[in-house]
Amino acid sequence: MLTEHETSRVIEMAWEDRTPFEAIESSFQLSEAAVIRLMRRELKATSFRLWRKRVAGRKTKHGALRSPDVLRGYCKTQYKHR
């Protein structure tokens, strides 16, 4: 079970174009299917549909489709710190 803060972070990572599902899985042990279920549960229906349309087939969201030149899932300096 994720905390409220962790859930918020997963949602933030899922919305980010350049953060692959594999980075979410390594950080939170959630598969792509689990992230989709979380997003469906936590977002409004319209927001969920927009998100699904946005990430469907997006190369940057799937590590296997990414360029081998990209060695990281995210930039550590782009996140807000508490």
C-alpha atoms as a PDB file:
ATOM      1  CA  MET A   1       0.000   0.000   0.000  1.00  0.00           C
ATOM      2  CA  LEU A   2       1.410   3.367  -1.006  1.00  0.00           C
ATOM      3  CA  THR A   3       1.293   6.422   1.206  1.00  0.00           C
ATOM      4  CA  GLU A   4      -0.503   9.534  -0.014  1.00  0.00           C
ATOM      5  CA  HIS A   5       2.861  11.136  -0.841  1.00  0.00           C
ATOM      6  CA  GLU A   6       4.027   8.038  -2.771  1.00  0.00           C
ATOM      7  CA  THR A   7       0.753   7.883  -4.704  1.00  0.00           C
ATOM      8  CA  SER A   8       1.128  11.539  -5.625  1.00  0.00           C
ATOM      9  CA  ARG A   9       4.703  10.900  -6.767  1.00  0.00           C
ATOM     10  CA  VAL A  10       3.665   7.922  -8.932  1.00  0.00           C
ATOM     11  CA  ILE A  11       0.976  10.064 -10.585  1.00  0.00           C
ATOM     12  CA  GLU A  12       3.511  12.833 -11.196  1.00  0.00           C
ATOM     13  CA  MET A  13       6.000  10.380 -12.723  1.00  0.00           C
ATOM     14  CA  ALA A  14       3.282   8.777 -14.870  1.00  0.00           C
ATOM     15  CA  TRP A  15       2.308  12.177 -16.325  1.00  0.00           C
ATOM     16  CA  GLU A  16       5.925  13.067 -17.145  1.00  0.00           C
ATOM     17  CA  ASP A  17       6.744  12.367 -20.780  1.00  0.00           C
ATOM     18  CA  ARG A  18      10.316  11.264 -20.216  1.00  0.00           C
ATOM     19  CA  THR A  19       9.843   9.033 -17.172  1.00  0.00           C
ATOM     20  CA  PRO A  20       9.445   5.433 -18.353  1.00  0.00           C
ATOM     21  CA  PHE A  21       7.193   2.929 -16.617  1.00  0.00           C
ATOM     22  CA  GLU A  22      10.343   0.969 -15.762  1.00  0.00           C
ATOM     23  CA  ALA A  23      11.563   3.870 -13.584  1.00  0.00           C
ATOM     24  CA  ILE A  24       8.259   3.822 -11.695  1.00  0.00           C
ATOM     25  CA  GLU A  25       8.558   0.061 -11.283  1.00  0.00           C
ATOM     26  CA  SER A  26      12.107   0.277  -9.937  1.00  0.00           C
ATOM     27  CA  SER A  27      11.145   3.044  -7.485  1.00  0.00           C
ATOM     28  CA  PHE A  28       7.743   1.790  -6.328  1.00  0.00           C
ATOM     29  CA  GLN A  29       7.546  -1.873  -7.440  1.00  0.00           C
ATOM     30  CA  LEU A  30       4.471  -1.102  -9.580  1.00  0.00           C
ATOM     31  CA  SER A  31       4.186  -2.680 -13.021  1.00  0.00           C
ATOM     32  CA  GLU A  32       2.809  -0.696 -15.940  1.00  0.00           C
ATOM     33  CA  ALA A  33      -0.551  -2.437 -15.443  1.00  0.00           C
ATOM     34  CA  ALA A  34      -0.529  -1.482 -11.740  1.00  0.00           C
ATOM     35  CA  VAL A  35       0.250   2.149 -12.632  1.00  0.00           C
ATOM     36  CA  ILE A  36      -2.674   2.154 -15.066  1.00  0.00           C
ATOM     37  CA  ARG A  37      -4.985   0.778 -12.335  1.00  0.00           C
ATOM     38  CA  LEU A  38      -3.722   3.417  -9.880  1.00  0.00           C
ATOM     39  CA  MET A  39      -4.253   6.196 -12.418  1.00  0.00           C
ATOM     40  CA  ARG A  40      -7.768   4.924 -13.201  1.00  0.00           C
ATOM     41  CA  ARG A  41      -8.598   4.867  -9.482  1.00  0.00           C
ATOM     42  CA  GLU A  42      -7.039   8.232  -8.558  1.00  0.00           C
ATOM     43  CA  LEU A  43      -7.865  10.440 -11.560  1.00  0.00           C
ATOM     44  CA  LYS A  44     -11.176  11.757 -12.789  1.00  0.00           C
ATOM     45  CA  ALA A  45     -12.449   9.714 -15.751  1.00  0.00           C
ATOM     46  CA  THR A  46     -11.725  12.509 -18.233  1.00  0.00           C
ATOM     47  CA  SER A  47      -8.210  13.011 -16.893  1.00  0.00           C
ATOM     48  CA  PHE A  48      -7.542   9.277 -17.044  1.00  0.00           C
ATOM     49  CA  ARG A  49      -8.665   9.097 -20.692  1.00  0.00           C
ATOM     50  CA  LEU A  50      -6.438  12.080 -21.573  1.00  0.00           C
ATOM     51  CA  TRP A  51      -3.486  10.458 -19.828  1.00  0.00           C
ATOM     52  CA  ARG A  52      -4.020   7.097 -21.562  1.00  0.00           C
ATOM     53  CA  LYS A  53      -4.244   8.804 -24.935  1.00  0.00           C
ATOM     54  CA  ARG A  54      -1.067  10.743 -24.144  1.00  0.00           C
ATOM     55  CA  VAL A  55       1.076   7.761 -23.110  1.00  0.00           C
ATOM     56  CA  ALA A  56      -0.227   5.163 -25.566  1.00  0.00           C
ATOM     57  CA  GLY A  57       2.688   4.173 -27.765  1.00  0.00           C
ATOM     58  CA  ARG A  58       4.910   7.007 -26.517  1.00  0.00           C
ATOM     59  CA  LYS A  59       8.488   5.837 -26.947  1.00  0.00           C
ATOM     60  CA  THR A  60       9.756   7.710 -23.902  1.00  0.00           C
ATOM     61  CA  LYS A  61       7.313   5.911 -21.576  1.00  0.00           C
ATOM     62  CA  HIS A  62       8.612   2.446 -22.473  1.00  0.00           C
ATOM     63  CA  GLY A  63      12.252   1.591 -21.891  1.00  0.00           C
ATOM     64  CA  ALA A  64      12.340  -0.992 -24.681  1.00  0.00           C
ATOM     65  CA  LEU A  65      11.288   1.656 -27.224  1.00  0.00           C
ATOM     66  CA  ARG A  66      13.757   4.303 -26.043  1.00  0.00           C
ATOM     67  CA  SER A  67      16.967   5.185 -27.774  1.00  0.00           C
ATOM     68  CA  PRO A  68      19.908   3.260 -26.268  1.00  0.00           C
ATOM     69  CA  ASP A  69      21.602   6.646 -25.822  1.00  0.00           C
ATOM     70  CA  VAL A  70      19.192   7.475 -22.960  1.00  0.00           C
ATOM     71  CA  LEU A  71      20.635   5.863 -19.851  1.00  0.00           C
ATOM     72  CA  ARG A  72      18.410   7.391 -17.161  1.00  0.00           C
ATOM     73  CA  GLY A  73      14.694   7.488 -16.458  1.00  0.00           C
ATOM     74  CA  TYR A  74      14.525  11.000 -15.110  1.00  0.00           C
ATOM     75  CA  CYS A  75      16.533  14.059 -14.200  1.00  0.00           C
ATOM     76  CA  LYS A  76      17.037  14.301 -10.421  1.00  0.00           C
ATOM     77  CA  THR A  77      17.185  18.090 -10.504  1.00  0.00           C
ATOM     78  CA  GLN A  78      13.706  18.524 -12.012  1.00  0.00           C
ATOM     79  CA  TYR A  79      11.805  17.365  -8.935  1.00  0.00           C
ATOM     80  CA  LYS A  80      10.502  19.376  -6.041  1.00  0.00           C
ATOM     81  CA  HIS A  81      12.148  18.648  -2.713  1.00  0.00           C
ATOM     82  CA  ARG A  82      10.312  18.643   0.596  1.00  0.00           C
END
